[in-house]
Amino acid sequence: MITVVFVIALAPPAALVLWLLARDWFLEWGARDLEVLAAMAGDDLVDEPTYESTLAVTIDAPRSDVWPWLVQMGYRRGGLYSYDWLDRLFGYLDGPSAEEILPEFQGLKPGDLIPLGRGPAFPVVKVEPLRALVMGGTAGTFQWSWQFELHRHGRERTRLISRNRATVPRTIGSAVFMTLLEPAAFVMTRKMLLGIKRRAESLAQRRRDVGHAAA
C-alpha cells in the first residue's frame, strides 16, 4: 500500500520532468546551440515572444536547390511537404505536395500571401533570395512570425533553419491552446523540413547526373 501511494505521489512530478525534457528537445530539434541563440531576419516582428521554436536540418544540396521549394509552398501551389494526408484532412491542401519545381510560383515577394486552403493565408514580410523567407502578422495582442533561413554548409550542403515565434495572451485558455499546439507544430514542421530535404537532395542528384552524363 505504501509503495502504491509513493508511486502515485511521484507520478505528477515525474511526468512534469519528462514533459520538460521532451519539450526542450522538440522546440530545438536538429538545431545547434549557436543557431538557437542567433538572431534571424524576422525576429523583430515579435517583440517579446512567449513561444519560440527553432528547428533545423542539413541538406546535401546547395541553396539554389533548396530555395525554390520554399517560395512555391502553399495551397494550390507547391503544398507544404509535410504529412499531406493530414493537411488535406484539415483542408489546408487539396492535393499532394509537389515533387517538381513550379516556375509559375517562383516570384514570391513581400506583400504576397501564401494561401492555406481553409486556414488563414500567411503574409510574406521579407524575401531575401537564397537566404531568408519571413512570414508574420498581428491580430490584436497576438503576434507571430515564421521564418526560414538557408546557410551554406560547405560547398554543396545547406543548413535549413525554421523558427516560429509568437506572443500570446497570458490566459489559461491561451496556455492550454499552446500546450496542444506545440507538439503538433513540431510534428508537422519537422516533417516539412525532411520533405524539403528529400526533394532538394533529389533535385541536386539529378543535376549531378546530368553533369556527369554531359562530361
Foldseek 3Di string as FASTA:
>chain_A
DVVVVVCVVCVVVVVVVVVVVVLVCLLEPQHDPCQVVDDDDCPVQAPDFPDKGKYKDKFQFALVLLQLLVQQDAEVTQHQQFPVVVLVVVQQYVDDGDLDRDVVRRPDAQQDWGGGGVDDTWGWHHDDPSAKTKTWDDDPQKTKIWMWGWDDDPDGMIMIMIMITMHDDPDPVVVVVCVVVSVVCSNGVVSSNVSSSVSSNVVRVVVVVVVVVVD
